[in-house]
């Protein structure tokens, strides 16, 4: 029993570490070159998320960057409108509850908290 567990653990360790043993070490650029490359990448590249399945379209880097720029152009306004929608829904809910009688409000709370006894 212990032997089988030990062998399976050993096999898992071999499988998980197997890829790193045979890899060649790549020549790393000098520290100064790394810094310059990173600065150039962050200055020119915009970050974002492509819509679902758009990666399958074979977009060029330029197209991807254009899509990210378009998203960033509208994101602030969309976020403001989302906040406004939440605010309006809260006001609506408050006004709707104001129509209820005290007994109905109590019953609604029981239903929402799961203390509903199927009255």
PDB file of N, CA and C in Angstrom:
ATOM      1  N   UNK A   1       0.830  -1.176   0.000  1.00  0.00           N
ATOM      2  CA  UNK A   1       0.000   0.000   0.000  1.00  0.00           C
ATOM      3  C   UNK A   1       0.881   1.248   0.000  1.00  0.00           C
ATOM      4  N   UNK A   2       1.853   1.291   0.898  1.00  0.00           N
ATOM      5  CA  UNK A   2       2.738   2.441   0.963  1.00  0.00           C
ATOM      6  C   UNK A   2       3.597   2.531  -0.299  1.00  0.00           C
ATOM      7  N   UNK A   3       3.962   1.383  -0.819  1.00  0.00           N
ATOM      8  CA  UNK A   3       4.810   1.350  -2.004  1.00  0.00           C
ATOM      9  C   UNK A   3       4.080   1.979  -3.200  1.00  0.00           C
ATOM     10  N   UNK A   4       2.800   1.669  -3.369  1.00  0.00           N
ATOM     11  CA  UNK A   4       2.009   2.211  -4.486  1.00  0.00           C
ATOM     12  C   UNK A   4       1.876   3.725  -4.336  1.00  0.00           C
ATOM     13  N   UNK A   5       1.623   4.200  -3.131  1.00  0.00           N
ATOM     14  CA  UNK A   5       1.513   5.641  -2.895  1.00  0.00           C
ATOM     15  C   UNK A   5       2.824   6.354  -3.156  1.00  0.00           C
ATOM     16  N   UNK A   6       3.898   5.734  -2.708  1.00  0.00           N
ATOM     17  CA  UNK A   6       5.216   6.322  -2.930  1.00  0.00           C
ATOM     18  C   UNK A   6       5.548   6.375  -4.413  1.00  0.00           C
ATOM     19  N   UNK A   7       5.258   5.309  -5.128  1.00  0.00           N
ATOM     20  CA  UNK A   7       5.544   5.271  -6.557  1.00  0.00           C
ATOM     21  C   UNK A   7       4.717   6.297  -7.324  1.00  0.00           C
ATOM     22  N   UNK A   8       3.449   6.452  -6.963  1.00  0.00           N
ATOM     23  CA  UNK A   8       2.617   7.434  -7.669  1.00  0.00           C
ATOM     24  C   UNK A   8       3.086   8.858  -7.359  1.00  0.00           C
ATOM     25  N   UNK A   9       3.480   9.118  -6.129  1.00  0.00           N
ATOM     26  CA  UNK A   9       4.019  10.427  -5.768  1.00  0.00           C
ATOM     27  C   UNK A   9       5.308  10.692  -6.522  1.00  0.00           C
ATOM     28  N   UNK A  10       6.169   9.715  -6.593  1.00  0.00           N
ATOM     29  CA  UNK A  10       7.438   9.843  -7.310  1.00  0.00           C
ATOM     30  C   UNK A  10       7.192  10.092  -8.796  1.00  0.00           C
ATOM     31  N   UNK A  11       6.236   9.375  -9.374  1.00  0.00           N
ATOM     32  CA  UNK A  11       5.908   9.551 -10.793  1.00  0.00           C
ATOM     33  C   UNK A  11       5.379  10.958 -11.056  1.00  0.00           C
ATOM     34  N   UNK A  12       4.540  11.457 -10.168  1.00  0.00           N
ATOM     35  CA  UNK A  12       4.016  12.820 -10.324  1.00  0.00           C
ATOM     36  C   UNK A  12       5.139  13.841 -10.267  1.00  0.00           C
ATOM     37  N   UNK A  13       6.066  13.663  -9.343  1.00  0.00           N
ATOM     38  CA  UNK A  13       7.192  14.594  -9.229  1.00  0.00           C
ATOM     39  C   UNK A  13       8.047  14.586 -10.484  1.00  0.00           C
ATOM     40  N   UNK A  14       8.257  13.424 -11.048  1.00  0.00           N
ATOM     41  CA  UNK A  14       9.058  13.313 -12.273  1.00  0.00           C
ATOM     42  C   UNK A  14       8.349  14.021 -13.419  1.00  0.00           C
ATOM     43  N   UNK A  15       7.052  13.807 -13.544  1.00  0.00           N
ATOM     44  CA  UNK A  15       6.289  14.419 -14.631  1.00  0.00           C
ATOM     45  C   UNK A  15       6.297  15.941 -14.488  1.00  0.00           C
ATOM     46  N   UNK A  16       6.070  16.425 -13.272  1.00  0.00           N
ATOM     47  CA  UNK A  16       6.003  17.866 -13.060  1.00  0.00           C
ATOM     48  C   UNK A  16       7.345  18.563 -13.230  1.00  0.00           C
ATOM     49  N   UNK A  17       8.428  17.893 -12.903  1.00  0.00           N
ATOM     50  CA  UNK A  17       9.741  18.531 -13.010  1.00  0.00           C
ATOM     51  C   UNK A  17      10.457  18.169 -14.298  1.00  0.00           C
ATOM     52  N   UNK A  18       9.919  17.290 -15.092  1.00  0.00           N
ATOM     53  CA  UNK A  18      10.590  16.796 -16.293  1.00  0.00           C
ATOM     54  C   UNK A  18      10.867  17.868 -17.325  1.00  0.00           C
ATOM     55  N   UNK A  19       9.986  18.850 -17.475  1.00  0.00           N
ATOM     56  CA  UNK A  19      10.170  19.863 -18.494  1.00  0.00           C
ATOM     57  C   UNK A  19      11.312  20.808 -18.210  1.00  0.00           C
ATOM     58  N   UNK A  20      11.620  21.028 -16.965  1.00  0.00           N
ATOM     59  CA  UNK A  20      12.659  22.008 -16.638  1.00  0.00           C
ATOM     60  C   UNK A  20      14.068  21.429 -16.735  1.00  0.00           C
ATOM     61  N   UNK A  21      14.206  20.131 -16.707  1.00  0.00           N
ATOM     62  CA  UNK A  21      15.525  19.510 -16.733  1.00  0.00           C
ATOM     63  C   UNK A  21      16.176  19.650 -18.099  1.00  0.00           C
ATOM     64  N   UNK A  22      15.417  19.475 -19.170  1.00  0.00           N
ATOM     65  CA  UNK A  22      16.000  19.450 -20.504  1.00  0.00           C
ATOM     66  C   UNK A  22      16.014  20.784 -21.221  1.00  0.00           C
ATOM     67  N   UNK A  23      15.669  21.872 -20.567  1.00  0.00           N
ATOM     68  CA  UNK A  23      15.611  23.154 -21.250  1.00  0.00           C
ATOM     69  C   UNK A  23      16.978  23.808 -21.308  1.00  0.00           C
ATOM     70  N   UNK A  24      17.276  24.394 -22.476  1.00  0.00           N
ATOM     71  CA  UNK A  24      18.515  25.139 -22.632  1.00  0.00           C
ATOM     72  C   UNK A  24      18.335  26.537 -22.071  1.00  0.00           C
ATOM     73  N   UNK A  25      19.399  27.075 -21.538  1.00  0.00           N
ATOM     74  CA  UNK A  25      19.349  28.433 -21.021  1.00  0.00           C
ATOM     75  C   UNK A  25      19.539  29.399 -22.178  1.00  0.00           C
ATOM     76  N   UNK A  26      18.636  30.340 -22.285  1.00  0.00           N
ATOM     77  CA  UNK A  26      18.709  31.320 -23.361  1.00  0.00           C
ATOM     78  C   UNK A  26      19.632  32.459 -22.935  1.00  0.00           C
ATOM     79  N   UNK A  27      20.248  33.088 -23.939  1.00  0.00           N
ATOM     80  CA  UNK A  27      21.076  34.250 -23.642  1.00  0.00           C
ATOM     81  C   UNK A  27      20.167  35.391 -23.214  1.00  0.00           C
ATOM     82  N   UNK A  28      20.457  35.927 -22.046  1.00  0.00           N
ATOM     83  CA  UNK A  28      19.654  37.027 -21.541  1.00  0.00           C
ATOM     84  C   UNK A  28      20.305  38.345 -21.942  1.00  0.00           C
ATOM     85  N   UNK A  29      19.483  39.317 -22.358  1.00  0.00           N
ATOM     86  CA  UNK A  29      20.061  40.613 -22.681  1.00  0.00           C
ATOM     87  C   UNK A  29      20.604  41.276 -21.415  1.00  0.00           C
ATOM     88  N   UNK A  30      21.485  42.221 -21.601  1.00  0.00           N
ATOM     89  CA  UNK A  30      22.053  42.924 -20.454  1.00  0.00           C
ATOM     90  C   UNK A  30      20.966  43.681 -19.715  1.00  0.00           C
ATOM     91  N   UNK A  31      21.250  44.037 -18.476  1.00  0.00           N
ATOM     92  CA  UNK A  31      20.261  44.719 -17.647  1.00  0.00           C
ATOM     93  C   UNK A  31      19.798  46.020 -18.286  1.00  0.00           C
ATOM     94  N   UNK A  32      20.703  46.770 -18.887  1.00  0.00           N
ATOM     95  CA  UNK A  32      20.344  48.037 -19.506  1.00  0.00           C
ATOM     96  C   UNK A  32      19.382  47.818 -20.670  1.00  0.00           C
ATOM     97  N   UNK A  33      19.616  46.766 -21.450  1.00  0.00           N
ATOM     98  CA  UNK A  33      18.759  46.475 -22.589  1.00  0.00           C
ATOM     99  C   UNK A  33      17.358  46.092 -22.127  1.00  0.00           C
ATOM    100  N   UNK A  34      17.259  45.345 -21.023  1.00  0.00           N
ATOM    101  CA  UNK A  34      15.959  44.953 -20.493  1.00  0.00           C
ATOM    102  C   UNK A  34      15.152  46.186 -20.121  1.00  0.00           C
ATOM    103  N   UNK A  35      15.777  47.126 -19.442  1.00  0.00           N
ATOM    104  CA  UNK A  35      15.075  48.321 -19.009  1.00  0.00           C
ATOM    105  C   UNK A  35      14.568  49.119 -20.199  1.00  0.00           C
ATOM    106  N   UNK A  36      15.357  49.246 -21.206  1.00  0.00           N
ATOM    107  CA  UNK A  36      14.964  50.016 -22.378  1.00  0.00           C
ATOM    108  C   UNK A  36      13.791  49.335 -23.076  1.00  0.00           C
ATOM    109  N   UNK A  37      13.865  48.012 -23.237  1.00  0.00           N
ATOM    110  CA  UNK A  37      12.794  47.281 -23.894  1.00  0.00           C
ATOM    111  C   UNK A  37      11.483  47.428 -23.132  1.00  0.00           C
ATOM    112  N   UNK A  38      11.522  47.309 -21.816  1.00  0.00           N
ATOM    113  CA  UNK A  38      10.312  47.398 -21.021  1.00  0.00           C
ATOM    114  C   UNK A  38       9.700  48.784 -21.114  1.00  0.00           C
ATOM    115  N   UNK A  39      10.530  49.815 -21.082  1.00  0.00           N
ATOM    116  CA  UNK A  39      10.014  51.172 -21.182  1.00  0.00           C
ATOM    117  C   UNK A  39       9.340  51.384 -22.523  1.00  0.00           C
ATOM    118  N   UNK A  40       9.921  50.885 -23.584  1.00  0.00           N
ATOM    119  CA  UNK A  40       9.349  51.054 -24.912  1.00  0.00           C
ATOM    120  C   UNK A  40       8.020  50.304 -25.022  1.00  0.00           C
ATOM    121  N   UNK A  41       7.951  49.101 -24.462  1.00  0.00           N
ATOM    122  CA  UNK A  41       6.735  48.306 -24.546  1.00  0.00           C
ATOM    123  C   UNK A  41       5.581  48.966 -23.806  1.00  0.00           C
ATOM    124  N   UNK A  42       5.831  49.444 -22.591  1.00  0.00           N
ATOM    125  CA  UNK A  42       4.752  50.017 -21.800  1.00  0.00           C
ATOM    126  C   UNK A  42       4.322  51.359 -22.350  1.00  0.00           C
ATOM    127  N   UNK A  43       5.213  52.089 -22.981  1.00  0.00           N
ATOM    128  CA  UNK A  43       4.861  53.397 -23.508  1.00  0.00           C
ATOM    129  C   UNK A  43       3.988  53.273 -24.749  1.00  0.00           C
ATOM    130  N   UNK A  44       4.180  52.251 -25.539  1.00  0.00           N
ATOM    131  CA  UNK A  44       3.459  52.142 -26.796  1.00  0.00           C
ATOM    132  C   UNK A  44       2.288  51.172 -26.749  1.00  0.00           C
ATOM    133  N   UNK A  45       2.292  50.231 -25.836  1.00  0.00           N
ATOM    134  CA  UNK A  45       1.241  49.216 -25.808  1.00  0.00           C
ATOM    135  C   UNK A  45       0.145  49.592 -24.825  1.00  0.00           C
ATOM    136  N   UNK A  46      -1.086  49.435 -25.286  1.00  0.00           N
ATOM    137  CA  UNK A  46      -2.257  49.670 -24.468  1.00  0.00           C
ATOM    138  C   UNK A  46      -2.769  48.311 -24.020  1.00  0.00           C
ATOM    139  N   UNK A  47      -3.250  48.241 -22.785  1.00  0.00           N
ATOM    140  CA  UNK A  47      -3.759  46.970 -22.278  1.00  0.00           C
ATOM    141  C   UNK A  47      -5.278  46.959 -22.320  1.00  0.00           C
ATOM    142  N   UNK A  48      -5.821  45.784 -22.504  1.00  0.00           N
ATOM    143  CA  UNK A  48      -7.263  45.616 -22.546  1.00  0.00           C
ATOM    144  C   UNK A  48      -7.608  44.149 -22.656  1.00  0.00           C
ATOM    145  N   UNK A  49      -8.871  43.891 -22.925  1.00  0.00           N
ATOM    146  CA  UNK A  49      -9.346  42.518 -23.074  1.00  0.00           C
ATOM    147  C   UNK A  49     -10.144  42.451 -24.367  1.00  0.00           C
ATOM    148  N   UNK A  50      -9.798  41.497 -25.196  1.00  0.00           N
ATOM    149  CA  UNK A  50     -10.535  41.321 -26.443  1.00  0.00           C
ATOM    150  C   UNK A  50     -11.896  40.698 -26.156  1.00  0.00           C
ATOM    151  N   UNK A  51     -12.908  41.051 -26.953  1.00  0.00           N
ATOM    152  CA  UNK A  51     -14.204  40.383 -26.799  1.00  0.00           C
ATOM    153  C   UNK A  51     -14.056  38.877 -27.023  1.00  0.00           C
ATOM    154  N   UNK A  52     -14.987  38.136 -26.483  1.00  0.00           N
ATOM    155  CA  UNK A  52     -14.930  36.673 -26.558  1.00  0.00           C
ATOM    156  C   UNK A  52     -14.844  36.206 -28.014  1.00  0.00           C
ATOM    157  N   UNK A  53     -13.946  35.265 -28.240  1.00  0.00           N
ATOM    158  CA  UNK A  53     -13.704  34.617 -29.538  1.00  0.00           C
ATOM    159  C   UNK A  53     -12.965  35.487 -30.553  1.00  0.00           C
ATOM    160  N   UNK A  54     -12.594  36.702 -30.230  1.00  0.00           N
ATOM    161  CA  UNK A  54     -11.899  37.566 -31.179  1.00  0.00           C
ATOM    162  C   UNK A  54     -10.463  37.122 -31.398  1.00  0.00           C
ATOM    163  N   UNK A  55      -9.888  36.389 -30.466  1.00  0.00           N
ATOM    164  CA  UNK A  55      -8.517  35.892 -30.660  1.00  0.00           C
ATOM    165  C   UNK A  55      -8.455  34.905 -31.818  1.00  0.00           C
ATOM    166  N   UNK A  56      -9.571  34.277 -32.120  1.00  0.00           N
ATOM    167  CA  UNK A  56      -9.628  33.299 -33.193  1.00  0.00           C
ATOM    168  C   UNK A  56      -9.639  33.946 -34.574  1.00  0.00           C
ATOM    169  N   UNK A  57      -9.758  35.273 -34.627  1.00  0.00           N
ATOM    170  CA  UNK A  57      -9.874  35.975 -35.902  1.00  0.00           C
ATOM    171  C   UNK A  57      -8.534  36.262 -36.559  1.00  0.00           C
ATOM    172  N   UNK A  58      -7.446  35.997 -35.860  1.00  0.00           N
ATOM    173  CA  UNK A  58      -6.125  36.247 -36.432  1.00  0.00           C
ATOM    174  C   UNK A  58      -5.819  37.729 -36.553  1.00  0.00           C
ATOM    175  N   UNK A  59      -6.164  38.496 -35.522  1.00  0.00           N
ATOM    176  CA  UNK A  59      -5.933  39.937 -35.532  1.00  0.00           C
ATOM    177  C   UNK A  59      -4.446  40.252 -35.488  1.00  0.00           C
ATOM    178  N   UNK A  60      -4.063  41.318 -36.156  1.00  0.00           N
ATOM    179  CA  UNK A  60      -2.680  41.774 -36.089  1.00  0.00           C
ATOM    180  C   UNK A  60      -2.494  42.531 -34.777  1.00  0.00           C
ATOM    181  N   UNK A  61      -1.238  42.774 -34.407  1.00  0.00           N
ATOM    182  CA  UNK A  61      -0.961  43.541 -33.184  1.00  0.00           C
ATOM    183  C   UNK A  61      -1.563  44.938 -33.277  1.00  0.00           C
ATOM    184  N   UNK A  62      -1.528  45.520 -34.450  1.00  0.00           N
ATOM    185  CA  UNK A  62      -2.085  46.862 -34.646  1.00  0.00           C
ATOM    186  C   UNK A  62      -3.596  46.848 -34.423  1.00  0.00           C
ATOM    187  N   UNK A  63      -4.275  45.828 -34.943  1.00  0.00           N
ATOM    188  CA  UNK A  63      -5.717  45.729 -34.739  1.00  0.00           C
ATOM    189  C   UNK A  63      -6.056  45.559 -33.260  1.00  0.00           C
ATOM    190  N   UNK A  64      -5.286  44.728 -32.580  1.00  0.00           N
ATOM    191  CA  UNK A  64      -5.516  44.507 -31.148  1.00  0.00           C
ATOM    192  C   UNK A  64      -5.338  45.816 -30.386  1.00  0.00           C
ATOM    193  N   UNK A  65      -4.281  46.546 -30.682  1.00  0.00           N
ATOM    194  CA  UNK A  65      -4.038  47.818 -30.007  1.00  0.00           C
ATOM    195  C   UNK A  65      -5.146  48.828 -30.316  1.00  0.00           C
ATOM    196  N   UNK A  66      -5.631  48.839 -31.556  1.00  0.00           N
ATOM    197  CA  UNK A  66      -6.727  49.739 -31.924  1.00  0.00           C
ATOM    198  C   UNK A  66      -7.993  49.395 -31.140  1.00  0.00           C
ATOM    199  N   UNK A  67      -8.273  48.111 -30.978  1.00  0.00           N
ATOM    200  CA  UNK A  67      -9.444  47.684 -30.210  1.00  0.00           C
ATOM    201  C   UNK A  67      -9.306  48.116 -28.756  1.00  0.00           C
ATOM    202  N   UNK A  68      -8.120  47.938 -28.182  1.00  0.00           N
ATOM    203  CA  UNK A  68      -7.890  48.354 -26.795  1.00  0.00           C
ATOM    204  C   UNK A  68      -8.071  49.858 -26.643  1.00  0.00           C
ATOM    205  N   UNK A  69      -7.603  50.627 -27.603  1.00  0.00           N
ATOM    206  CA  UNK A  69      -7.753  52.084 -27.543  1.00  0.00           C
ATOM    207  C   UNK A  69      -9.226  52.475 -27.601  1.00  0.00           C
ATOM    208  N   UNK A  70      -9.992  51.808 -28.452  1.00  0.00           N
ATOM    209  CA  UNK A  70     -11.428  52.084 -28.542  1.00  0.00           C
ATOM    210  C   UNK A  70     -12.107  51.763 -27.218  1.00  0.00           C
ATOM    211  N   UNK A  71     -11.749  50.631 -26.613  1.00  0.00           N
ATOM    212  CA  UNK A  71     -12.340  50.259 -25.324  1.00  0.00           C
ATOM    213  C   UNK A  71     -12.021  51.306 -24.267  1.00  0.00           C
ATOM    214  N   UNK A  72     -10.763  51.730 -24.193  1.00  0.00           N
ATOM    215  CA  UNK A  72     -10.362  52.721 -23.199  1.00  0.00           C
ATOM    216  C   UNK A  72     -11.063  54.055 -23.420  1.00  0.00           C
ATOM    217  N   UNK A  73     -11.333  54.373 -24.671  1.00  0.00           N
ATOM    218  CA  UNK A  73     -12.007  55.625 -25.013  1.00  0.00           C
ATOM    219  C   UNK A  73     -13.401  55.677 -24.380  1.00  0.00           C
ATOM    220  N   UNK A  74     -14.096  54.544 -24.317  1.00  0.00           N
ATOM    221  CA  UNK A  74     -15.468  54.513 -23.819  1.00  0.00           C
ATOM    222  C   UNK A  74     -15.615  54.019 -22.387  1.00  0.00           C
ATOM    223  N   UNK A  75     -14.592  53.394 -21.826  1.00  0.00           N
ATOM    224  CA  UNK A  75     -14.716  52.777 -20.495  1.00  0.00           C
ATOM    225  C   UNK A  75     -15.095  53.761 -19.399  1.00  0.00           C
ATOM    226  N   UNK A  76     -14.498  54.948 -19.368  1.00  0.00           N
ATOM    227  CA  UNK A  76     -14.813  55.914 -18.311  1.00  0.00           C
ATOM    228  C   UNK A  76     -16.290  56.311 -18.344  1.00  0.00           C
ATOM    229  N   UNK A  77     -16.781  56.602 -19.540  1.00  0.00           N
ATOM    230  CA  UNK A  77     -18.181  57.006 -19.662  1.00  0.00           C
ATOM    231  C   UNK A  77     -19.119  55.856 -19.292  1.00  0.00           C
ATOM    232  N   UNK A  78     -18.776  54.641 -19.710  1.00  0.00           N
ATOM    233  CA  UNK A  78     -19.591  53.464 -19.376  1.00  0.00           C
ATOM    234  C   UNK A  78     -19.618  53.266 -17.863  1.00  0.00           C
ATOM    235  N   UNK A  79     -18.475  53.420 -17.201  1.00  0.00           N
ATOM    236  CA  UNK A  79     -18.423  53.251 -15.746  1.00  0.00           C
ATOM    237  C   UNK A  79     -19.282  54.298 -15.040  1.00  0.00           C
ATOM    238  N   UNK A  80     -19.255  55.538 -15.536  1.00  0.00           N
ATOM    239  CA  UNK A  80     -20.093  56.591 -14.949  1.00  0.00           C
ATOM    240  C   UNK A  80     -21.575  56.249 -15.116  1.00  0.00           C
ATOM    241  N   UNK A  81     -21.932  55.773 -16.297  1.00  0.00           N
ATOM    242  CA  UNK A  81     -23.328  55.416 -16.535  1.00  0.00           C
ATOM    243  C   UNK A  81     -23.755  54.214 -15.703  1.00  0.00           C
ATOM    244  N   UNK A  82     -22.858  53.243 -15.515  1.00  0.00           N
ATOM    245  CA  UNK A  82     -23.161  52.097 -14.652  1.00  0.00           C
ATOM    246  C   UNK A  82     -23.440  52.559 -13.223  1.00  0.00           C
ATOM    247  N   UNK A  83     -22.639  53.514 -12.746  1.00  0.00           N
ATOM    248  CA  UNK A  83     -22.856  54.055 -11.396  1.00  0.00           C
ATOM    249  C   UNK A  83     -24.205  54.753 -11.309  1.00  0.00           C
ATOM    250  N   UNK A  84     -24.538  55.498 -12.346  1.00  0.00           N
ATOM    251  CA  UNK A  84     -25.824  56.199 -12.380  1.00  0.00           C
ATOM    252  C   UNK A  84     -26.978  55.193 -12.379  1.00  0.00           C
ATOM    253  N   UNK A  85     -26.835  54.101 -13.109  1.00  0.00           N
ATOM    254  CA  UNK A  85     -27.869  53.060 -13.150  1.00  0.00           C
ATOM    255  C   UNK A  85     -28.068  52.452 -11.763  1.00  0.00           C
ATOM    256  N   UNK A  86     -26.968  52.146 -11.078  1.00  0.00           N
ATOM    257  CA  UNK A  86     -27.071  51.587  -9.717  1.00  0.00           C
ATOM    258  C   UNK A  86     -27.781  52.561  -8.788  1.00  0.00           C
ATOM    259  N   UNK A  87     -27.438  53.835  -8.922  1.00  0.00           N
ATOM    260  CA  UNK A  87     -28.042  54.865  -8.090  1.00  0.00           C
ATOM    261  C   UNK A  87     -29.553  54.957  -8.365  1.00  0.00           C
ATOM    262  N   UNK A  88     -29.944  54.956  -9.634  1.00  0.00           N
ATOM    263  CA  UNK A  88     -31.358  55.024 -10.001  1.00  0.00           C
ATOM    264  C   UNK A  88     -32.123  53.797  -9.514  1.00  0.00           C
ATOM    265  N   UNK A  89     -31.515  52.626  -9.596  1.00  0.00           N
ATOM    266  CA  UNK A  89     -32.174  51.411  -9.116  1.00  0.00           C
ATOM    267  C   UNK A  89     -32.401  51.473  -7.611  1.00  0.00           C
ATOM    268  N   UNK A  90     -31.437  52.023  -6.881  1.00  0.00           N
ATOM    269  CA  UNK A  90     -31.584  52.139  -5.429  1.00  0.00           C
ATOM    270  C   UNK A  90     -32.738  53.081  -5.081  1.00  0.00           C
ATOM    271  N   UNK A  91     -32.838  54.196  -5.799  1.00  0.00           N
ATOM    272  CA  UNK A  91     -33.930  55.142  -5.565  1.00  0.00           C
ATOM    273  C   UNK A  91     -35.268  54.493  -5.914  1.00  0.00           C
ATOM    274  N   UNK A  92     -35.300  53.779  -7.038  1.00  0.00           N
ATOM    275  CA  UNK A  92     -36.526  53.081  -7.457  1.00  0.00           C
ATOM    276  C   UNK A  92     -36.977  52.082  -6.397  1.00  0.00           C
ATOM    277  N   UNK A  93     -36.010  51.274  -5.895  1.00  0.00           N
ATOM    278  CA  UNK A  93     -36.346  50.274  -4.882  1.00  0.00           C
ATOM    279  C   UNK A  93     -36.887  50.918  -3.611  1.00  0.00           C
ATOM    280  N   UNK A  94     -36.302  52.036  -3.232  1.00  0.00           N
ATOM    281  CA  UNK A  94     -36.746  52.747  -2.032  1.00  0.00           C
ATOM    282  C   UNK A  94     -38.173  53.256  -2.220  1.00  0.00           C
ATOM    283  N   UNK A  95     -38.474  53.808  -3.380  1.00  0.00           N
ATOM    284  CA  UNK A  95     -39.818  54.308  -3.654  1.00  0.00           C
ATOM    285  C   UNK A  95     -40.833  53.171  -3.718  1.00  0.00           C
ATOM    286  N   UNK A  96     -40.414  52.037  -4.292  1.00  0.00           N
ATOM    287  CA  UNK A  96     -41.318  50.888  -4.353  1.00  0.00           C
ATOM    288  C   UNK A  96     -41.666  50.387  -2.954  1.00  0.00           C
ATOM    289  N   UNK A  97     -40.691  50.327  -2.087  1.00  0.00           N
ATOM    290  CA  UNK A  97     -40.929  49.860  -0.716  1.00  0.00           C
ATOM    291  C   UNK A  97     -41.802  50.836   0.059  1.00  0.00           C
ATOM    292  N   UNK A  98     -41.736  52.102  -0.299  1.00  0.00           N
ATOM    293  CA  UNK A  98     -42.560  53.089   0.384  1.00  0.00           C
ATOM    294  C   UNK A  98     -44.045  52.850   0.140  1.00  0.00           C
ATOM    295  N   UNK A  99     -44.387  52.170  -0.927  1.00  0.00           N
ATOM    296  CA  UNK A  99     -45.785  51.870  -1.260  1.00  0.00           C
ATOM    297  C   UNK A  99     -46.328  50.759  -0.358  1.00  0.00           C
ATOM    298  N   UNK A 100     -45.473  49.900   0.149  1.00  0.00           N
ATOM    299  CA  UNK A 100     -45.903  48.739   0.933  1.00  0.00           C
ATOM    300  C   UNK A 100     -46.382  49.141   2.320  1.00  0.00           C
ATOM    301  N   UNK A 101     -47.288  48.328   2.860  1.00  0.00           N
ATOM    302  CA  UNK A 101     -47.736  48.521   4.242  1.00  0.00           C
ATOM    303  C   UNK A 101     -46.657  47.959   5.167  1.00  0.00           C
ATOM    304  N   UNK A 102     -46.681  48.310   6.450  1.00  0.00           N
ATOM    305  CA  UNK A 102     -45.691  47.751   7.384  1.00  0.00           C
ATOM    306  C   UNK A 102     -45.708  46.224   7.429  1.00  0.00           C
ATOM    307  N   UNK A 103     -46.903  45.617   7.329  1.00  0.00           N
ATOM    308  CA  UNK A 103     -46.996  44.164   7.346  1.00  0.00           C
ATOM    309  C   UNK A 103     -46.343  43.568   6.090  1.00  0.00           C
ATOM    310  N   UNK A 104     -46.567  44.217   4.947  1.00  0.00           N
ATOM    311  CA  UNK A 104     -45.976  43.743   3.696  1.00  0.00           C
ATOM    312  C   UNK A 104     -44.457  43.888   3.720  1.00  0.00           C
ATOM    313  N   UNK A 105     -43.965  44.969   4.315  1.00  0.00           N
ATOM    314  CA  UNK A 105     -42.515  45.162   4.440  1.00  0.00           C
ATOM    315  C   UNK A 105     -41.903  44.066   5.296  1.00  0.00           C
ATOM    316  N   UNK A 106     -42.601  43.747   6.402  1.00  0.00           N
ATOM    317  CA  UNK A 106     -42.112  42.692   7.291  1.00  0.00           C
ATOM    318  C   UNK A 106     -42.102  41.355   6.561  1.00  0.00           C
ATOM    319  N   UNK A 107     -43.170  41.078   5.836  1.00  0.00           N
ATOM    320  CA  UNK A 107     -43.273  39.819   5.087  1.00  0.00           C
ATOM    321  C   UNK A 107     -42.194  39.733   4.019  1.00  0.00           C
ATOM    322  N   UNK A 108     -41.935  40.853   3.341  1.00  0.00           N
ATOM    323  CA  UNK A 108     -40.894  40.888   2.321  1.00  0.00           C
ATOM    324  C   UNK A 108     -39.527  40.580   2.939  1.00  0.00           C
ATOM    325  N   UNK A 109     -39.243  41.157   4.092  1.00  0.00           N
ATOM    326  CA  UNK A 109     -37.972  40.879   4.772  1.00  0.00           C
ATOM    327  C   UNK A 109     -37.846  39.406   5.136  1.00  0.00           C
ATOM    328  N   UNK A 110     -38.944  38.805   5.583  1.00  0.00           N
ATOM    329  CA  UNK A 110     -38.925  37.377   5.910  1.00  0.00           C
ATOM    330  C   UNK A 110     -38.608  36.542   4.673  1.00  0.00           C
ATOM    331  N   UNK A 111     -39.217  36.924   3.564  1.00  0.00           N
ATOM    332  CA  UNK A 111     -38.988  36.190   2.315  1.00  0.00           C
ATOM    333  C   UNK A 111     -37.540  36.342   1.877  1.00  0.00           C
ATOM    334  N   UNK A 112     -37.029  37.570   1.913  1.00  0.00           N
ATOM    335  CA  UNK A 112     -35.674  37.838   1.438  1.00  0.00           C
ATOM    336  C   UNK A 112     -34.595  37.227   2.323  1.00  0.00           C
ATOM    337  N   UNK A 113     -34.854  37.114   3.609  1.00  0.00           N
ATOM    338  CA  UNK A 113     -33.849  36.548   4.517  1.00  0.00           C
ATOM    339  C   UNK A 113     -33.968  35.033   4.633  1.00  0.00           C
ATOM    340  N   UNK A 114     -34.959  34.454   3.953  1.00  0.00           N
ATOM    341  CA  UNK A 114     -35.110  32.995   3.986  1.00  0.00           C
ATOM    342  C   UNK A 114     -35.870  32.491   5.177  1.00  0.00           C
ATOM    343  N   UNK A 115     -36.484  33.382   5.929  1.00  0.00           N
ATOM    344  CA  UNK A 115     -37.256  32.974   7.097  1.00  0.00           C
ATOM    345  C   UNK A 115     -38.737  32.811   6.729  1.00  0.00           C
ATOM    346  N   UNK A 116     -38.979  32.636   5.448  1.00  0.00           N
ATOM    347  CA  UNK A 116     -40.324  32.473   4.920  1.00  0.00           C
ATOM    348  C   UNK A 116     -40.894  31.140   5.404  1.00  0.00           C
ATOM    349  N   UNK A 117     -42.055  31.191   6.016  1.00  0.00           N
ATOM    350  CA  UNK A 117     -42.676  29.971   6.538  1.00  0.00           C
ATOM    351  C   UNK A 117     -43.889  29.591   5.701  1.00  0.00           C
ATOM    352  N   UNK A 118     -43.889  29.987   4.411  1.00  0.00           N
ATOM    353  CA  UNK A 118     -44.974  29.671   3.480  1.00  0.00           C
ATOM    354  C   UNK A 118     -46.329  30.070   4.059  1.00  0.00           C
ATOM    355  N   UNK A 119     -46.442  31.305   4.406  1.00  0.00           N
ATOM    356  CA  UNK A 119     -47.706  31.804   4.968  1.00  0.00           C
ATOM    357  C   UNK A 119     -48.741  31.902   3.900  1.00  0.00           C
TER     358      UNK A 119
END
